[in-house]
Amino acid sequence: MDVDRLPKHGMALRVDEWFSVVRNGNFLPFDDWLPIVAMPVQSAVAGMRLPQGNVAFELRHGKQYAIEDSAHGARTFQCIIDGRVPLVAFIDEPGYRGPWITVRNLFTIEEMVSMRELRE
């Protein structure tokens, strides 16, 4: 699935769902709640191959990746796939996870080429 053709409504639906859960007394922050409920569709369980321009990369649900480029240096991120929407959260040096963001136009060519899955 091309990065530019990823579903655009997945996150909005999850935000609505989270607001409903919060109104019912769950006070878990959205970025902590999302990985608990996110599940890939059957066709994405093994991972998603995502072409962006002339380069393609693959992401798998629940995995961590390392990337590197000359502008940002080395970075690590975690991936979840919610339905058919791949989301990533960058992990800082002390190990804190940032917010979940979409992958559309997120990575440079250098980062896509350097991307590797980290062993658990």
C-alpha atoms as a PDB file:
ATOM      1  CA  MET A   1       0.000   0.000   0.000  1.00  0.00           C
ATOM      2  CA  ASP A   2       1.454   3.358  -1.019  1.00  0.00           C
ATOM      3  CA  VAL A   3       2.130   5.743   1.881  1.00  0.00           C
ATOM      4  CA  ASP A   4       0.030   8.444   0.183  1.00  0.00           C
ATOM      5  CA  ARG A   5      -2.977   6.088   0.042  1.00  0.00           C
ATOM      6  CA  LEU A   6      -3.114   5.109   3.706  1.00  0.00           C
ATOM      7  CA  PRO A   7      -6.538   5.484   5.367  1.00  0.00           C
ATOM      8  CA  LYS A   8      -6.969   8.987   6.758  1.00  0.00           C
ATOM      9  CA  HIS A   9      -9.796   8.381   9.232  1.00  0.00           C
ATOM     10  CA  GLY A  10      -8.258   5.686  11.433  1.00  0.00           C
ATOM     11  CA  MET A  11      -6.805   8.031  14.040  1.00  0.00           C
ATOM     12  CA  ALA A  12      -9.929  10.211  14.208  1.00  0.00           C
ATOM     13  CA  LEU A  13     -12.053   7.154  14.964  1.00  0.00           C
ATOM     14  CA  ARG A  14      -9.627   6.040  17.678  1.00  0.00           C
ATOM     15  CA  VAL A  15      -9.659   9.501  19.268  1.00  0.00           C
ATOM     16  CA  ASP A  16     -13.474   9.397  19.383  1.00  0.00           C
ATOM     17  CA  GLU A  17     -13.319   5.919  20.905  1.00  0.00           C
ATOM     18  CA  TRP A  18     -10.789   7.089  23.510  1.00  0.00           C
ATOM     19  CA  PHE A  19     -12.972  10.085  24.472  1.00  0.00           C
ATOM     20  CA  SER A  20     -15.829   7.652  25.044  1.00  0.00           C
ATOM     21  CA  VAL A  21     -13.621   5.469  27.245  1.00  0.00           C
ATOM     22  CA  VAL A  22     -12.428   8.530  29.201  1.00  0.00           C
ATOM     23  CA  ARG A  23     -16.022   9.641  29.801  1.00  0.00           C
ATOM     24  CA  ASN A  24     -16.628   6.202  31.315  1.00  0.00           C
ATOM     25  CA  GLY A  25     -13.843   6.636  33.864  1.00  0.00           C
ATOM     26  CA  ASN A  26     -10.671   5.373  32.172  1.00  0.00           C
ATOM     27  CA  PHE A  27      -7.958   7.985  32.630  1.00  0.00           C
ATOM     28  CA  LEU A  28      -5.191   6.277  30.681  1.00  0.00           C
ATOM     29  CA  PRO A  29      -3.473   8.817  28.392  1.00  0.00           C
ATOM     30  CA  PHE A  30      -4.249   8.343  24.692  1.00  0.00           C
ATOM     31  CA  ASP A  31      -0.672   7.406  23.764  1.00  0.00           C
ATOM     32  CA  ASP A  32      -0.655   4.666  26.430  1.00  0.00           C
ATOM     33  CA  TRP A  33      -4.169   3.433  25.572  1.00  0.00           C
ATOM     34  CA  LEU A  34      -3.633   3.207  21.793  1.00  0.00           C
ATOM     35  CA  PRO A  35      -1.062   0.353  21.745  1.00  0.00           C
ATOM     36  CA  ILE A  36      -3.387  -1.698  23.971  1.00  0.00           C
ATOM     37  CA  VAL A  37      -6.322  -1.516  21.545  1.00  0.00           C
ATOM     38  CA  ALA A  38      -4.503  -1.271  18.193  1.00  0.00           C
ATOM     39  CA  MET A  39      -4.770  -4.428  16.115  1.00  0.00           C
ATOM     40  CA  PRO A  40      -3.712  -4.910  12.498  1.00  0.00           C
ATOM     41  CA  VAL A  41      -6.183  -6.301   9.964  1.00  0.00           C
ATOM     42  CA  GLN A  42      -5.435  -9.884   8.931  1.00  0.00           C
ATOM     43  CA  SER A  43      -3.590  -8.794   5.783  1.00  0.00           C
ATOM     44  CA  ALA A  44      -1.248  -6.600   7.870  1.00  0.00           C
ATOM     45  CA  VAL A  45      -0.453  -9.073  10.674  1.00  0.00           C
ATOM     46  CA  ALA A  46       2.814 -10.116   9.020  1.00  0.00           C
ATOM     47  CA  GLY A  47       3.673  -6.478   8.278  1.00  0.00           C
ATOM     48  CA  MET A  48       3.063  -3.796   5.704  1.00  0.00           C
ATOM     49  CA  ARG A  49       5.302  -2.954   2.769  1.00  0.00           C
ATOM     50  CA  LEU A  50       5.026   0.790   2.214  1.00  0.00           C
ATOM     51  CA  PRO A  51       6.363   2.390  -0.965  1.00  0.00           C
ATOM     52  CA  GLN A  52       7.197   6.075  -0.666  1.00  0.00           C
ATOM     53  CA  GLY A  53       8.394   7.473  -3.952  1.00  0.00           C
ATOM     54  CA  ASN A  54      11.028   5.123  -5.390  1.00  0.00           C
ATOM     55  CA  VAL A  55      11.854   3.503  -2.048  1.00  0.00           C
ATOM     56  CA  ALA A  56       9.832   0.975  -0.055  1.00  0.00           C
ATOM     57  CA  PHE A  57      10.098  -0.049   3.574  1.00  0.00           C
ATOM     58  CA  GLU A  58       8.338  -2.620   5.727  1.00  0.00           C
ATOM     59  CA  LEU A  59       6.838  -2.145   9.178  1.00  0.00           C
ATOM     60  CA  ARG A  60       5.522  -4.805  11.552  1.00  0.00           C
ATOM     61  CA  HIS A  61       3.104  -4.404  14.452  1.00  0.00           C
ATOM     62  CA  GLY A  62       4.734  -4.204  17.879  1.00  0.00           C
ATOM     63  CA  LYS A  63       8.309  -4.050  16.592  1.00  0.00           C
ATOM     64  CA  GLN A  64      11.073  -1.518  17.187  1.00  0.00           C
ATOM     65  CA  TYR A  65      13.250  -0.074  14.455  1.00  0.00           C
ATOM     66  CA  ALA A  66      16.459   1.903  14.133  1.00  0.00           C
ATOM     67  CA  ILE A  67      16.983   4.542  11.455  1.00  0.00           C
ATOM     68  CA  GLU A  68      19.721   7.026  10.708  1.00  0.00           C
ATOM     69  CA  ASP A  69      20.309  10.016   8.488  1.00  0.00           C
ATOM     70  CA  SER A  70      22.772  12.884   8.361  1.00  0.00           C
ATOM     71  CA  ALA A  71      20.229  15.506   9.522  1.00  0.00           C
ATOM     72  CA  HIS A  72      18.709  13.703  12.539  1.00  0.00           C
ATOM     73  CA  GLY A  73      21.384  11.158  13.386  1.00  0.00           C
ATOM     74  CA  ALA A  74      20.414   7.767  14.796  1.00  0.00           C
ATOM     75  CA  ARG A  75      16.860   7.336  16.092  1.00  0.00           C
ATOM     76  CA  THR A  76      14.722   4.488  17.363  1.00  0.00           C
ATOM     77  CA  PHE A  77      10.968   4.082  17.033  1.00  0.00           C
ATOM     78  CA  GLN A  78       8.227   1.607  17.851  1.00  0.00           C
ATOM     79  CA  CYS A  79       5.519   0.656  15.351  1.00  0.00           C
ATOM     80  CA  ILE A  80       1.905  -0.372  15.796  1.00  0.00           C
ATOM     81  CA  ILE A  81      -0.559  -1.091  13.019  1.00  0.00           C
ATOM     82  CA  ASP A  82      -4.150  -0.199  13.795  1.00  0.00           C
ATOM     83  CA  GLY A  83      -6.322  -1.755  11.134  1.00  0.00           C
ATOM     84  CA  ARG A  84      -4.412  -0.670   8.032  1.00  0.00           C
ATOM     85  CA  VAL A  85      -2.875   2.436   9.614  1.00  0.00           C
ATOM     86  CA  PRO A  86       0.802   2.141  10.581  1.00  0.00           C
ATOM     87  CA  LEU A  87       1.776   4.459  13.425  1.00  0.00           C
ATOM     88  CA  VAL A  88       5.173   5.117  14.947  1.00  0.00           C
ATOM     89  CA  ALA A  89       6.406   6.627  18.191  1.00  0.00           C
ATOM     90  CA  PHE A  90      10.008   7.730  18.526  1.00  0.00           C
ATOM     91  CA  ILE A  91      11.890   6.640  21.630  1.00  0.00           C
ATOM     92  CA  ASP A  92      14.340   9.078  23.207  1.00  0.00           C
ATOM     93  CA  GLU A  93      17.717   8.292  24.816  1.00  0.00           C
ATOM     94  CA  PRO A  94      16.306   7.542  28.309  1.00  0.00           C
ATOM     95  CA  GLY A  95      13.716   5.231  26.701  1.00  0.00           C
ATOM     96  CA  TYR A  96      10.607   7.413  26.852  1.00  0.00           C
ATOM     97  CA  ARG A  97       8.151   6.919  24.012  1.00  0.00           C
ATOM     98  CA  GLY A  98       6.834  10.003  22.231  1.00  0.00           C
ATOM     99  CA  PRO A  99       3.342  10.422  20.755  1.00  0.00           C
ATOM    100  CA  TRP A 100       2.005   8.112  18.048  1.00  0.00           C
ATOM    101  CA  ILE A 101       2.215   9.691  14.599  1.00  0.00           C
ATOM    102  CA  THR A 102       1.425   8.586  11.056  1.00  0.00           C
ATOM    103  CA  VAL A 103       4.182   7.624   8.637  1.00  0.00           C
ATOM    104  CA  ARG A 104       3.034   9.683   5.659  1.00  0.00           C
ATOM    105  CA  ASN A 105       6.110  11.575   4.387  1.00  0.00           C
ATOM    106  CA  LEU A 106       7.783  11.021   7.753  1.00  0.00           C
ATOM    107  CA  PHE A 107      11.024   9.342   6.726  1.00  0.00           C
ATOM    108  CA  THR A 108      13.794  10.615   4.487  1.00  0.00           C
ATOM    109  CA  ILE A 109      15.171   8.336   1.777  1.00  0.00           C
ATOM    110  CA  GLU A 110      18.310   7.934   3.867  1.00  0.00           C
ATOM    111  CA  GLU A 111      16.214   6.808   6.856  1.00  0.00           C
ATOM    112  CA  MET A 112      14.160   4.361   4.780  1.00  0.00           C
ATOM    113  CA  VAL A 113      17.294   2.776   3.334  1.00  0.00           C
ATOM    114  CA  SER A 114      18.914   2.495   6.784  1.00  0.00           C
ATOM    115  CA  MET A 115      15.774   1.151   8.526  1.00  0.00           C
ATOM    116  CA  ARG A 116      16.295  -2.106  10.380  1.00  0.00           C
ATOM    117  CA  GLU A 117      14.154  -4.049  12.810  1.00  0.00           C
ATOM    118  CA  LEU A 118      15.660  -4.391  16.274  1.00  0.00           C
ATOM    119  CA  ARG A 119      15.679  -7.707  18.098  1.00  0.00           C
ATOM    120  CA  GLU A 120      13.677  -7.890  21.289  1.00  0.00           C
END
